[in-house]
Amino acid sequence: MHSSIADPVAALTLGALPPLTLLLVNGRPVVERGHLTTVNEDRIAKAAADAAKELAARG
């Protein structure tokens, strides 16, 4: 959690994340060596960028 942001939701979404070596959820790796293992990060980043462009074009 980001120490300078009091709201935990804002800290998770806006705060700078520390490097994460391993995160397990119910015994399954979700993050390994700083990368998500359960989704394609590049595809999500592209989808977010495309959505941002579409929203910006709406004015």
Protein backbone atom coordinates (compact mmCIF):
# COMPACT_ATOMS: atom_id res chain seq x y z
CA MET A 1 0.00 0.00 0.00
CA HIS A 2 1.24 3.48 -0.77
CA SER A 3 2.06 5.12 2.56
CA SER A 4 1.19 8.71 1.60
CA ILE A 5 -2.33 7.98 0.29
CA ALA A 6 -4.91 7.51 3.06
CA ASP A 7 -7.69 5.98 0.91
CA PRO A 8 -6.82 2.30 0.32
CA VAL A 9 -8.66 2.14 -3.03
CA ALA A 10 -6.86 5.26 -4.27
CA ALA A 11 -3.56 3.86 -3.01
CA LEU A 12 -4.08 0.65 -4.99
CA THR A 13 -5.09 2.43 -8.17
CA LEU A 14 -2.98 5.60 -8.06
CA GLY A 15 -0.01 4.86 -5.85
CA ALA A 16 3.34 3.74 -7.16
CA LEU A 17 3.69 0.02 -6.67
CA PRO A 18 6.84 -1.45 -5.18
CA PRO A 19 8.54 -4.24 -7.14
CA LEU A 20 6.73 -7.48 -6.44
CA THR A 21 8.62 -10.76 -6.67
CA LEU A 22 5.77 -13.17 -6.00
CA LEU A 23 2.09 -12.87 -5.14
CA LEU A 24 0.07 -16.00 -4.46
CA VAL A 25 -3.73 -16.11 -4.25
CA ASN A 26 -5.13 -19.37 -2.90
CA GLY A 27 -1.74 -20.92 -3.57
CA ARG A 28 -1.64 -19.90 -7.24
CA PRO A 29 0.89 -17.37 -8.58
CA VAL A 30 -0.76 -14.16 -9.76
CA VAL A 31 2.40 -12.05 -10.01
CA GLU A 32 5.89 -13.36 -10.65
CA ARG A 33 8.97 -11.14 -10.97
CA GLY A 34 6.80 -8.04 -11.35
CA HIS A 35 4.50 -9.41 -14.08
CA LEU A 36 0.93 -10.69 -13.99
CA THR A 37 0.67 -14.38 -14.79
CA THR A 38 -3.10 -14.61 -15.22
CA VAL A 39 -3.61 -12.08 -18.04
CA ASN A 40 -1.82 -10.72 -21.09
CA GLU A 41 -0.42 -7.37 -19.88
CA ASP A 42 0.28 -6.09 -23.39
CA ARG A 43 -3.29 -6.77 -24.53
CA ILE A 44 -4.72 -5.00 -21.48
CA ALA A 45 -2.40 -2.00 -21.97
CA LYS A 46 -3.45 -1.71 -25.61
CA ALA A 47 -7.13 -1.96 -24.74
CA ALA A 48 -6.73 0.76 -22.10
CA ALA A 49 -4.87 3.02 -24.53
CA ASP A 50 -7.54 2.47 -27.21
CA ALA A 51 -10.30 3.27 -24.70
CA ALA A 52 -8.50 6.43 -23.58
CA LYS A 53 -8.16 7.60 -27.17
CA GLU A 54 -11.86 6.94 -27.80
CA LEU A 55 -12.86 8.88 -24.70
CA ALA A 56 -10.57 11.78 -25.61
CA ALA A 57 -12.08 11.91 -29.10
CA ARG A 58 -15.57 12.28 -27.61
CA GLY A 59 -14.48 15.60 -26.09
